[in-house]
Amino acid sequence: MERFTISLDDSLATEFDELIAERGYDNRSEAVRDILRAYLDRRREERDADAHCVANLSYVYNHHERELAERLTTLQHAHHDLTVSTMHAHLDHDHCIESVILKGPARAVRRFADAISAERGVRHGQLNLITVELHGAQGHPHVHLKPSH
């Protein structure tokens, strides 16, 4: 493991320590590692147009919105190659939350997530995307997805 030291001005250090406390990190190092991983993952995705990923897209919508549930299902069927699974839960009499597990080329996954989030009536769309390396496993007829770093 490599060590390095950084200097922060007082206000940035205070804000960072508040973030650490809010998120429940044990120490600054854990927080810095997570921030670096997220930044480097995003950078890898931007540089490598063919990067593969696994992702979770979550969103809330009003199921009374005219034909919205049907439009969302149609989008998922149109992208069946990216959609692994969908979980649907009822929040109240009007609102539902869905989480869609996705995998495939990061660019295509992002475009699909943007299309879902842009549908009229969809709220709080959030994509958590993790780039992966594809590995063929010896003796296995399938591909393994290893998270990058």
N, C-alpha and C. Protein backbone atom coordinates (compact mmCIF):
# COMPACT_ATOMS: atom_id res chain seq x y z
N MET A 1 0.85 -1.16 0.00
CA MET A 1 0.00 0.00 0.00
C MET A 1 0.90 1.23 0.00
N GLU A 2 0.54 2.19 -0.81
CA GLU A 2 1.29 3.42 -0.91
C GLU A 2 0.65 4.51 -0.08
N ARG A 3 1.46 5.34 0.55
CA ARG A 3 0.95 6.45 1.36
C ARG A 3 1.34 7.77 0.72
N PHE A 4 0.48 8.76 0.88
CA PHE A 4 0.82 10.12 0.46
C PHE A 4 0.11 11.10 1.37
N THR A 5 0.60 12.32 1.41
CA THR A 5 0.05 13.35 2.27
C THR A 5 -0.52 14.46 1.40
N ILE A 6 -1.66 15.01 1.81
CA ILE A 6 -2.21 16.16 1.11
C ILE A 6 -2.49 17.27 2.13
N SER A 7 -2.49 18.48 1.63
CA SER A 7 -2.82 19.63 2.47
C SER A 7 -4.14 20.21 2.00
N LEU A 8 -4.99 20.55 2.96
CA LEU A 8 -6.30 21.14 2.66
C LEU A 8 -6.44 22.42 3.47
N ASP A 9 -7.11 23.41 2.87
CA ASP A 9 -7.38 24.60 3.68
C ASP A 9 -8.41 24.22 4.74
N ASP A 10 -8.49 25.03 5.78
CA ASP A 10 -9.31 24.68 6.94
C ASP A 10 -10.78 24.43 6.60
N SER A 11 -11.35 25.27 5.75
CA SER A 11 -12.78 25.11 5.45
C SER A 11 -13.03 23.83 4.65
N LEU A 12 -12.14 23.49 3.72
CA LEU A 12 -12.30 22.26 2.95
C LEU A 12 -12.12 21.04 3.85
N ALA A 13 -11.15 21.09 4.76
CA ALA A 13 -10.92 19.99 5.69
C ALA A 13 -12.14 19.80 6.61
N THR A 14 -12.71 20.90 7.08
CA THR A 14 -13.90 20.81 7.94
C THR A 14 -15.07 20.19 7.18
N GLU A 15 -15.29 20.65 5.95
CA GLU A 15 -16.39 20.11 5.15
C GLU A 15 -16.16 18.62 4.84
N PHE A 16 -14.91 18.26 4.56
CA PHE A 16 -14.57 16.87 4.29
C PHE A 16 -14.82 16.01 5.53
N ASP A 17 -14.42 16.49 6.69
CA ASP A 17 -14.65 15.75 7.94
C ASP A 17 -16.14 15.59 8.23
N GLU A 18 -16.95 16.59 7.87
CA GLU A 18 -18.40 16.47 8.02
C GLU A 18 -18.94 15.38 7.11
N LEU A 19 -18.43 15.33 5.88
CA LEU A 19 -18.83 14.28 4.94
C LEU A 19 -18.46 12.90 5.49
N ILE A 20 -17.26 12.79 6.02
CA ILE A 20 -16.80 11.52 6.58
C ILE A 20 -17.74 11.08 7.70
N ALA A 21 -18.10 12.00 8.58
CA ALA A 21 -19.01 11.66 9.68
C ALA A 21 -20.40 11.28 9.17
N GLU A 22 -20.93 12.03 8.21
CA GLU A 22 -22.26 11.76 7.66
C GLU A 22 -22.32 10.40 6.98
N ARG A 23 -21.26 10.06 6.25
CA ARG A 23 -21.25 8.81 5.48
C ARG A 23 -20.79 7.62 6.30
N GLY A 24 -20.26 7.87 7.51
CA GLY A 24 -19.87 6.79 8.40
C GLY A 24 -18.51 6.16 8.10
N TYR A 25 -17.64 6.89 7.45
CA TYR A 25 -16.29 6.38 7.20
C TYR A 25 -15.53 6.30 8.51
N ASP A 26 -14.64 5.32 8.62
CA ASP A 26 -13.80 5.19 9.80
C ASP A 26 -12.70 6.24 9.83
N ASN A 27 -12.25 6.66 8.63
CA ASN A 27 -11.14 7.60 8.57
C ASN A 27 -11.11 8.31 7.22
N ARG A 28 -10.25 9.29 7.10
CA ARG A 28 -10.12 10.06 5.86
C ARG A 28 -9.65 9.20 4.70
N SER A 29 -8.77 8.25 4.98
CA SER A 29 -8.23 7.41 3.91
C SER A 29 -9.32 6.66 3.17
N GLU A 30 -10.27 6.09 3.92
CA GLU A 30 -11.38 5.36 3.29
C GLU A 30 -12.19 6.29 2.38
N ALA A 31 -12.45 7.48 2.86
CA ALA A 31 -13.22 8.45 2.07
C ALA A 31 -12.46 8.85 0.81
N VAL A 32 -11.17 9.13 0.94
CA VAL A 32 -10.37 9.52 -0.22
C VAL A 32 -10.33 8.38 -1.23
N ARG A 33 -10.19 7.13 -0.78
CA ARG A 33 -10.17 6.00 -1.70
C ARG A 33 -11.48 5.92 -2.48
N ASP A 34 -12.63 6.08 -1.79
CA ASP A 34 -13.92 6.03 -2.49
C ASP A 34 -14.06 7.15 -3.52
N ILE A 35 -13.65 8.35 -3.14
CA ILE A 35 -13.72 9.49 -4.07
C ILE A 35 -12.83 9.24 -5.28
N LEU A 36 -11.62 8.75 -5.05
CA LEU A 36 -10.71 8.46 -6.16
C LEU A 36 -11.26 7.37 -7.07
N ARG A 37 -11.80 6.30 -6.48
CA ARG A 37 -12.37 5.23 -7.29
C ARG A 37 -13.49 5.76 -8.18
N ALA A 38 -14.38 6.56 -7.60
CA ALA A 38 -15.50 7.10 -8.37
C ALA A 38 -15.00 8.00 -9.49
N TYR A 39 -14.04 8.85 -9.19
CA TYR A 39 -13.51 9.76 -10.21
C TYR A 39 -12.81 8.97 -11.32
N LEU A 40 -11.96 8.02 -10.95
CA LEU A 40 -11.22 7.25 -11.94
C LEU A 40 -12.14 6.37 -12.77
N ASP A 41 -13.19 5.83 -12.15
CA ASP A 41 -14.16 5.04 -12.88
C ASP A 41 -14.85 5.89 -13.94
N ARG A 42 -15.27 7.08 -13.56
CA ARG A 42 -15.92 7.99 -14.50
C ARG A 42 -14.96 8.38 -15.63
N ARG A 43 -13.71 8.64 -15.27
CA ARG A 43 -12.69 9.01 -16.28
C ARG A 43 -12.46 7.85 -17.26
N ARG A 44 -12.37 6.61 -16.73
CA ARG A 44 -12.20 5.44 -17.59
C ARG A 44 -13.37 5.32 -18.56
N GLU A 45 -14.55 5.53 -18.05
CA GLU A 45 -15.75 5.44 -18.88
C GLU A 45 -15.73 6.48 -19.99
N GLU A 46 -15.32 7.70 -19.66
CA GLU A 46 -15.28 8.78 -20.65
C GLU A 46 -14.22 8.53 -21.72
N ARG A 47 -13.09 7.96 -21.33
CA ARG A 47 -11.99 7.71 -22.26
C ARG A 47 -12.24 6.50 -23.14
N ASP A 48 -12.90 5.48 -22.59
CA ASP A 48 -13.08 4.22 -23.30
C ASP A 48 -14.53 4.07 -23.72
N ALA A 49 -14.80 4.40 -24.97
CA ALA A 49 -16.17 4.36 -25.48
C ALA A 49 -16.74 2.94 -25.44
N ASP A 50 -15.87 1.93 -25.42
CA ASP A 50 -16.32 0.54 -25.43
C ASP A 50 -16.31 -0.09 -24.05
N ALA A 51 -16.10 0.71 -23.00
CA ALA A 51 -16.07 0.17 -21.64
C ALA A 51 -17.38 -0.52 -21.31
N HIS A 52 -17.29 -1.64 -20.64
CA HIS A 52 -18.48 -2.35 -20.18
C HIS A 52 -18.75 -1.99 -18.74
N CYS A 53 -19.99 -2.20 -18.32
CA CYS A 53 -20.35 -1.82 -16.96
C CYS A 53 -21.46 -2.71 -16.43
N VAL A 54 -21.65 -2.60 -15.14
CA VAL A 54 -22.87 -3.04 -14.47
C VAL A 54 -23.42 -1.78 -13.84
N ALA A 55 -24.72 -1.70 -13.72
CA ALA A 55 -25.31 -0.46 -13.21
C ALA A 55 -26.66 -0.73 -12.56
N ASN A 56 -27.04 0.22 -11.73
CA ASN A 56 -28.37 0.21 -11.14
C ASN A 56 -29.02 1.56 -11.44
N LEU A 57 -30.14 1.53 -12.09
CA LEU A 57 -30.93 2.73 -12.37
C LEU A 57 -32.15 2.68 -11.47
N SER A 58 -32.32 3.70 -10.64
CA SER A 58 -33.50 3.78 -9.78
C SER A 58 -34.26 5.05 -10.10
N TYR A 59 -35.58 4.96 -10.04
CA TYR A 59 -36.41 6.13 -10.32
C TYR A 59 -37.77 5.95 -9.67
N VAL A 60 -38.43 7.08 -9.46
CA VAL A 60 -39.77 7.12 -8.89
C VAL A 60 -40.70 7.68 -9.95
N TYR A 61 -41.91 7.14 -10.01
CA TYR A 61 -42.89 7.69 -10.95
C TYR A 61 -44.30 7.52 -10.42
N ASN A 62 -45.19 8.35 -10.94
CA ASN A 62 -46.61 8.28 -10.59
C ASN A 62 -47.26 7.30 -11.56
N HIS A 63 -47.77 6.20 -11.06
CA HIS A 63 -48.31 5.18 -11.97
C HIS A 63 -49.63 5.62 -12.61
N HIS A 64 -50.20 6.75 -12.18
CA HIS A 64 -51.41 7.27 -12.81
C HIS A 64 -51.08 8.11 -14.04
N GLU A 65 -49.80 8.47 -14.19
CA GLU A 65 -49.38 9.26 -15.37
C GLU A 65 -49.75 8.48 -16.62
N ARG A 66 -50.40 9.13 -17.52
CA ARG A 66 -50.95 8.49 -18.70
C ARG A 66 -49.93 7.66 -19.47
N GLU A 67 -50.16 6.36 -19.54
CA GLU A 67 -49.38 5.39 -20.30
C GLU A 67 -47.91 5.32 -19.91
N LEU A 68 -47.52 5.92 -18.77
CA LEU A 68 -46.11 5.93 -18.39
C LEU A 68 -45.59 4.53 -18.11
N ALA A 69 -46.31 3.73 -17.33
CA ALA A 69 -45.84 2.37 -17.02
C ALA A 69 -45.62 1.57 -18.30
N GLU A 70 -46.51 1.73 -19.25
CA GLU A 70 -46.36 1.03 -20.53
C GLU A 70 -45.15 1.53 -21.31
N ARG A 71 -44.92 2.86 -21.30
CA ARG A 71 -43.75 3.42 -21.99
C ARG A 71 -42.45 2.91 -21.36
N LEU A 72 -42.42 2.84 -20.02
CA LEU A 72 -41.22 2.36 -19.34
C LEU A 72 -40.96 0.89 -19.67
N THR A 73 -42.01 0.08 -19.66
CA THR A 73 -41.86 -1.33 -20.01
C THR A 73 -41.41 -1.49 -21.46
N THR A 74 -41.96 -0.70 -22.35
CA THR A 74 -41.57 -0.75 -23.75
C THR A 74 -40.09 -0.40 -23.92
N LEU A 75 -39.62 0.62 -23.20
CA LEU A 75 -38.20 0.98 -23.26
C LEU A 75 -37.33 -0.16 -22.76
N GLN A 76 -37.74 -0.80 -21.67
CA GLN A 76 -36.95 -1.92 -21.15
C GLN A 76 -36.92 -3.09 -22.14
N HIS A 77 -38.04 -3.38 -22.77
CA HIS A 77 -38.06 -4.45 -23.76
C HIS A 77 -37.20 -4.10 -24.97
N ALA A 78 -37.22 -2.84 -25.36
CA ALA A 78 -36.41 -2.41 -26.50
C ALA A 78 -34.92 -2.50 -26.19
N HIS A 79 -34.59 -2.53 -24.91
CA HIS A 79 -33.18 -2.63 -24.49
C HIS A 79 -32.98 -3.89 -23.65
N HIS A 80 -33.63 -4.98 -24.06
CA HIS A 80 -33.54 -6.23 -23.31
C HIS A 80 -32.11 -6.74 -23.21
N ASP A 81 -31.26 -6.33 -24.14
CA ASP A 81 -29.86 -6.75 -24.10
C ASP A 81 -29.10 -6.08 -22.95
N LEU A 82 -29.60 -4.96 -22.44
CA LEU A 82 -28.98 -4.24 -21.33
C LEU A 82 -29.66 -4.55 -20.00
N THR A 83 -30.95 -4.84 -20.04
CA THR A 83 -31.75 -5.01 -18.83
C THR A 83 -31.61 -6.43 -18.29
N VAL A 84 -31.08 -6.53 -17.07
CA VAL A 84 -30.92 -7.82 -16.42
C VAL A 84 -32.15 -8.15 -15.59
N SER A 85 -32.60 -7.17 -14.80
CA SER A 85 -33.71 -7.40 -13.89
C SER A 85 -34.33 -6.07 -13.48
N THR A 86 -35.60 -6.10 -13.13
CA THR A 86 -36.29 -4.92 -12.64
C THR A 86 -37.02 -5.28 -11.36
N MET A 87 -36.88 -4.41 -10.37
CA MET A 87 -37.63 -4.58 -9.13
C MET A 87 -38.58 -3.39 -9.00
N HIS A 88 -39.80 -3.66 -8.69
CA HIS A 88 -40.85 -2.64 -8.63
C HIS A 88 -41.47 -2.68 -7.23
N ALA A 89 -41.63 -1.50 -6.62
CA ALA A 89 -42.27 -1.44 -5.30
C ALA A 89 -43.23 -0.26 -5.27
N HIS A 90 -44.31 -0.42 -4.54
CA HIS A 90 -45.33 0.62 -4.39
C HIS A 90 -45.00 1.46 -3.17
N LEU A 91 -44.92 2.78 -3.35
CA LEU A 91 -44.60 3.67 -2.24
C LEU A 91 -45.85 4.17 -1.53
N ASP A 92 -46.88 4.46 -2.31
CA ASP A 92 -48.16 4.88 -1.77
C ASP A 92 -49.22 4.58 -2.83
N HIS A 93 -50.37 5.22 -2.74
CA HIS A 93 -51.44 4.94 -3.71
C HIS A 93 -51.12 5.43 -5.11
N ASP A 94 -50.17 6.34 -5.23
CA ASP A 94 -49.87 6.94 -6.53
C ASP A 94 -48.47 6.65 -7.06
N HIS A 95 -47.51 6.49 -6.18
CA HIS A 95 -46.11 6.46 -6.60
C HIS A 95 -45.48 5.08 -6.46
N CYS A 96 -44.60 4.79 -7.43
CA CYS A 96 -43.84 3.54 -7.45
C CYS A 96 -42.36 3.88 -7.57
N ILE A 97 -41.54 2.96 -7.09
CA ILE A 97 -40.10 3.07 -7.31
C ILE A 97 -39.69 1.82 -8.07
N GLU A 98 -38.81 2.00 -9.04
CA GLU A 98 -38.25 0.87 -9.76
C GLU A 98 -36.74 0.97 -9.72
N SER A 99 -36.11 -0.18 -9.61
CA SER A 99 -34.67 -0.31 -9.73
C SER A 99 -34.42 -1.30 -10.85
N VAL A 100 -33.61 -0.89 -11.81
CA VAL A 100 -33.31 -1.72 -12.96
C VAL A 100 -31.82 -2.04 -12.92
N ILE A 101 -31.49 -3.33 -12.90
CA ILE A 101 -30.10 -3.77 -12.98
C ILE A 101 -29.75 -3.87 -14.46
N LEU A 102 -28.64 -3.26 -14.83
CA LEU A 102 -28.22 -3.19 -16.22
C LEU A 102 -26.80 -3.70 -16.37
N LYS A 103 -26.47 -4.17 -17.57
CA LYS A 103 -25.08 -4.48 -17.90
C LYS A 103 -24.91 -4.35 -19.40
N GLY A 104 -23.69 -3.97 -19.79
CA GLY A 104 -23.40 -3.81 -21.21
C GLY A 104 -22.45 -2.65 -21.42
N PRO A 105 -22.35 -2.18 -22.66
CA PRO A 105 -21.48 -1.04 -22.95
C PRO A 105 -21.94 0.19 -22.17
N ALA A 106 -21.01 0.85 -21.50
CA ALA A 106 -21.35 1.98 -20.62
C ALA A 106 -22.10 3.06 -21.38
N ARG A 107 -21.68 3.34 -22.59
CA ARG A 107 -22.35 4.39 -23.37
C ARG A 107 -23.81 4.05 -23.61
N ALA A 108 -24.10 2.79 -23.95
CA ALA A 108 -25.48 2.37 -24.21
C ALA A 108 -26.30 2.37 -22.92
N VAL A 109 -25.69 1.95 -21.82
CA VAL A 109 -26.38 1.95 -20.53
C VAL A 109 -26.74 3.36 -20.12
N ARG A 110 -25.80 4.29 -20.29
CA ARG A 110 -26.07 5.69 -19.95
C ARG A 110 -27.19 6.27 -20.82
N ARG A 111 -27.15 5.96 -22.12
CA ARG A 111 -28.21 6.46 -23.02
C ARG A 111 -29.58 5.91 -22.61
N PHE A 112 -29.63 4.63 -22.27
CA PHE A 112 -30.88 4.02 -21.81
C PHE A 112 -31.36 4.69 -20.52
N ALA A 113 -30.46 4.88 -19.57
CA ALA A 113 -30.83 5.52 -18.30
C ALA A 113 -31.33 6.94 -18.54
N ASP A 114 -30.69 7.65 -19.44
CA ASP A 114 -31.13 9.01 -19.77
C ASP A 114 -32.53 8.99 -20.39
N ALA A 115 -32.78 8.01 -21.25
CA ALA A 115 -34.10 7.91 -21.90
C ALA A 115 -35.19 7.63 -20.88
N ILE A 116 -34.93 6.73 -19.95
CA ILE A 116 -35.91 6.43 -18.89
C ILE A 116 -36.15 7.68 -18.04
N SER A 117 -35.06 8.30 -17.59
CA SER A 117 -35.17 9.46 -16.70
C SER A 117 -35.86 10.64 -17.37
N ALA A 118 -35.77 10.72 -18.69
CA ALA A 118 -36.37 11.84 -19.43
C ALA A 118 -37.86 11.64 -19.71
N GLU A 119 -38.37 10.44 -19.46
CA GLU A 119 -39.79 10.20 -19.71
C GLU A 119 -40.64 11.13 -18.83
N ARG A 120 -41.66 11.71 -19.42
CA ARG A 120 -42.56 12.59 -18.68
C ARG A 120 -43.18 11.81 -17.53
N GLY A 121 -43.04 12.30 -16.31
CA GLY A 121 -43.60 11.65 -15.15
C GLY A 121 -42.58 10.89 -14.30
N VAL A 122 -41.37 10.67 -14.83
CA VAL A 122 -40.32 10.01 -14.05
C VAL A 122 -39.62 11.05 -13.20
N ARG A 123 -39.42 10.73 -11.93
CA ARG A 123 -38.77 11.65 -10.99
C ARG A 123 -37.61 10.93 -10.32
N HIS A 124 -36.65 11.70 -9.88
CA HIS A 124 -35.56 11.19 -9.04
C HIS A 124 -34.75 10.08 -9.71
N GLY A 125 -34.57 10.14 -11.03
CA GLY A 125 -33.76 9.14 -11.71
C GLY A 125 -32.31 9.25 -11.28
N GLN A 126 -31.73 8.11 -10.92
CA GLN A 126 -30.34 8.09 -10.45
C GLN A 126 -29.67 6.83 -10.98
N LEU A 127 -28.52 7.00 -11.64
CA LEU A 127 -27.77 5.88 -12.17
C LEU A 127 -26.49 5.69 -11.37
N ASN A 128 -26.25 4.47 -10.92
CA ASN A 128 -25.00 4.10 -10.27
C ASN A 128 -24.31 3.12 -11.22
N LEU A 129 -23.25 3.57 -11.87
CA LEU A 129 -22.60 2.80 -12.91
C LEU A 129 -21.19 2.44 -12.47
N ILE A 130 -20.81 1.18 -12.67
CA ILE A 130 -19.49 0.69 -12.30
C ILE A 130 -18.89 0.01 -13.52
N THR A 131 -17.74 0.52 -13.99
CA THR A 131 -17.11 -0.12 -15.14
C THR A 131 -16.53 -1.47 -14.71
N VAL A 132 -16.52 -2.41 -15.65
CA VAL A 132 -16.03 -3.76 -15.38
C VAL A 132 -15.09 -4.19 -16.50
N GLU A 133 -14.26 -5.15 -16.15
CA GLU A 133 -13.41 -5.82 -17.14
C GLU A 133 -14.08 -7.15 -17.45
N LEU A 134 -14.10 -7.51 -18.73
CA LEU A 134 -14.70 -8.78 -19.13
C LEU A 134 -13.63 -9.86 -19.12
N HIS A 135 -13.93 -10.97 -18.46
CA HIS A 135 -12.99 -12.08 -18.37
C HIS A 135 -13.70 -13.37 -18.75
N GLY A 136 -13.12 -14.07 -19.72
CA GLY A 136 -13.61 -15.41 -20.02
C GLY A 136 -13.00 -16.37 -19.02
N ALA A 137 -13.82 -17.12 -18.35
CA ALA A 137 -13.33 -18.04 -17.34
C ALA A 137 -13.09 -19.41 -17.97
N GLN A 138 -11.95 -20.01 -17.65
CA GLN A 138 -11.64 -21.33 -18.18
C GLN A 138 -12.67 -22.34 -17.69
N GLY A 139 -13.17 -23.11 -18.62
CA GLY A 139 -14.13 -24.14 -18.26
C GLY A 139 -15.54 -23.63 -18.06
N HIS A 140 -15.76 -22.33 -18.25
CA HIS A 140 -17.09 -21.77 -18.09
C HIS A 140 -17.56 -21.22 -19.44
N PRO A 141 -18.80 -21.46 -19.79
CA PRO A 141 -19.31 -20.96 -21.07
C PRO A 141 -19.79 -19.50 -20.99
N HIS A 142 -19.50 -18.83 -19.88
CA HIS A 142 -19.99 -17.46 -19.72
C HIS A 142 -18.83 -16.52 -19.40
N VAL A 143 -19.12 -15.24 -19.44
CA VAL A 143 -18.12 -14.20 -19.18
C VAL A 143 -18.26 -13.72 -17.74
N HIS A 144 -17.15 -13.50 -17.09
CA HIS A 144 -17.16 -12.92 -15.74
C HIS A 144 -16.94 -11.42 -15.85
N LEU A 145 -17.65 -10.65 -15.02
CA LEU A 145 -17.56 -9.19 -14.98
C LEU A 145 -16.80 -8.80 -13.72
N LYS A 146 -15.55 -8.37 -13.87
CA LYS A 146 -14.75 -7.99 -12.72
C LYS A 146 -14.74 -6.48 -12.61
N PRO A 147 -15.20 -5.93 -11.45
CA PRO A 147 -15.18 -4.47 -11.29
C PRO A 147 -13.78 -3.91 -11.50
N SER A 148 -13.69 -2.80 -12.22
CA SER A 148 -12.39 -2.15 -12.45
C SER A 148 -11.94 -1.53 -11.14
N HIS A 149 -10.77 -1.86 -10.73
CA HIS A 149 -10.12 -1.35 -9.51
C HIS A 149 -11.07 -1.36 -8.37
